[in-house]
Amino acid sequence: MARIYQAATMGEAHIRIAIVTTRAEADLLVHRVSSWGLAVGDALWFITRSKQDATVCVFPTSVGMAHVKICFVDTSGEAGWVKPHPYKGKFAR
């Protein structure tokens, strides 16, 4: 399950992400869910305010510094990896 915490500094983050506006730019299409139970796999994120509850800490950064480029989508059916990526499986530890 992907329980995501947004780190305050780049040093405490596991993965650096860039939020892009178009699907064509993205590596991963992400849908935000409202509960832990719905956060399945890499693409359905429950964003938590507690670092202890998180499976991964992310830090938003520029496209050039990011490990993964994400685009938020409206439905869970649209969410998922756009292409093979080395970080596949890293969000749902």
Protein backbone atom coordinates (compact mmCIF):
# COMPACT_ATOMS: atom_id res chain seq x y z
CA MET A 1 0.00 0.00 0.00
CA ALA A 2 1.22 3.49 -0.80
CA ARG A 3 0.99 5.70 2.26
CA ILE A 4 2.85 8.86 1.30
CA TYR A 5 4.43 11.48 3.53
CA GLN A 6 5.75 14.71 2.06
CA ALA A 7 9.17 15.32 3.59
CA ALA A 8 10.21 18.82 4.61
CA THR A 9 13.74 18.38 3.27
CA MET A 10 15.30 16.49 0.39
CA GLY A 11 17.58 14.64 2.81
CA GLU A 12 14.78 12.86 4.65
CA ALA A 13 12.98 11.75 1.48
CA HIS A 14 13.23 8.27 -0.02
CA ILE A 15 12.12 9.40 -3.48
CA ARG A 16 12.23 12.78 -5.19
CA ILE A 17 9.16 13.45 -7.31
CA ALA A 18 8.22 16.08 -9.87
CA ILE A 19 4.56 16.87 -10.32
CA VAL A 20 3.85 17.40 -14.00
CA THR A 21 0.65 18.63 -15.60
CA THR A 22 0.38 16.36 -18.63
CA ARG A 23 0.17 12.59 -18.80
CA ALA A 24 2.66 12.53 -21.67
CA GLU A 25 5.40 13.87 -19.35
CA ALA A 26 4.61 11.49 -16.46
CA ASP A 27 6.24 8.21 -15.48
CA LEU A 28 3.44 7.42 -13.02
CA LEU A 29 -0.22 8.43 -13.01
CA VAL A 30 -1.40 8.79 -9.39
CA HIS A 31 -4.88 8.84 -7.88
CA ARG A 32 -5.35 10.08 -4.31
CA VAL A 33 -7.58 7.88 -2.16
CA SER A 34 -9.43 8.72 1.04
CA SER A 35 -8.37 5.80 3.26
CA TRP A 36 -5.47 3.43 3.99
CA GLY A 37 -7.43 0.45 2.76
CA LEU A 38 -7.84 1.91 -0.72
CA ALA A 39 -4.13 2.68 -1.10
CA VAL A 40 -3.03 -0.35 -3.14
CA GLY A 41 0.06 -0.61 -5.31
CA ASP A 42 2.24 2.28 -6.43
CA ALA A 43 -0.42 4.44 -8.05
CA LEU A 44 -3.18 4.76 -5.43
CA TRP A 45 -1.83 7.12 -2.77
CA PHE A 46 -3.09 7.86 0.70
CA ILE A 47 -1.26 11.01 1.78
CA THR A 48 -0.62 11.03 5.51
CA ARG A 49 0.51 13.79 7.85
CA SER A 50 2.36 11.32 10.06
CA LYS A 51 5.83 10.23 8.99
CA GLN A 52 5.56 7.10 11.16
CA ASP A 53 2.49 5.92 9.22
CA ALA A 54 4.10 6.35 5.80
CA THR A 55 5.49 3.62 3.58
CA VAL A 56 7.58 6.17 1.68
CA CYS A 57 8.64 9.80 2.11
CA VAL A 58 8.65 11.94 -1.01
CA PHE A 59 10.04 15.38 -1.73
CA PRO A 60 8.65 17.48 -4.58
CA THR A 61 11.39 18.94 -6.74
CA SER A 62 12.10 20.04 -10.29
CA VAL A 63 11.82 17.63 -13.22
CA GLY A 64 15.60 17.56 -13.60
CA MET A 65 16.18 16.51 -9.97
CA ALA A 66 13.29 14.02 -9.72
CA HIS A 67 13.51 10.24 -9.62
CA VAL A 68 9.88 9.93 -10.76
CA LYS A 69 7.58 12.32 -12.62
CA ILE A 70 3.96 12.02 -11.50
CA CYS A 71 0.66 13.35 -12.77
CA PHE A 72 -2.47 13.24 -10.61
CA VAL A 73 -5.53 11.72 -12.29
CA ASP A 74 -9.22 11.75 -11.36
CA THR A 75 -10.01 8.03 -11.21
CA SER A 76 -8.29 4.92 -9.92
CA GLY A 77 -8.78 3.20 -13.28
CA GLU A 78 -6.46 5.71 -14.94
CA ALA A 79 -3.71 5.34 -12.34
CA GLY A 80 -0.58 3.32 -12.98
CA TRP A 81 2.88 3.29 -14.51
CA VAL A 82 3.02 4.75 -18.00
CA LYS A 83 6.14 2.77 -18.94
CA PRO A 84 8.62 0.41 -17.26
CA HIS A 85 10.55 2.25 -14.56
CA PRO A 86 13.30 1.34 -12.04
CA TYR A 87 11.19 2.71 -9.15
CA LYS A 88 8.27 0.37 -9.85
CA GLY A 89 7.26 -1.20 -6.52
CA LYS A 90 9.09 1.37 -4.38
CA PHE A 91 5.97 3.28 -3.26
CA ALA A 92 4.09 0.25 -1.92
CA ARG A 93 6.73 -1.25 0.35
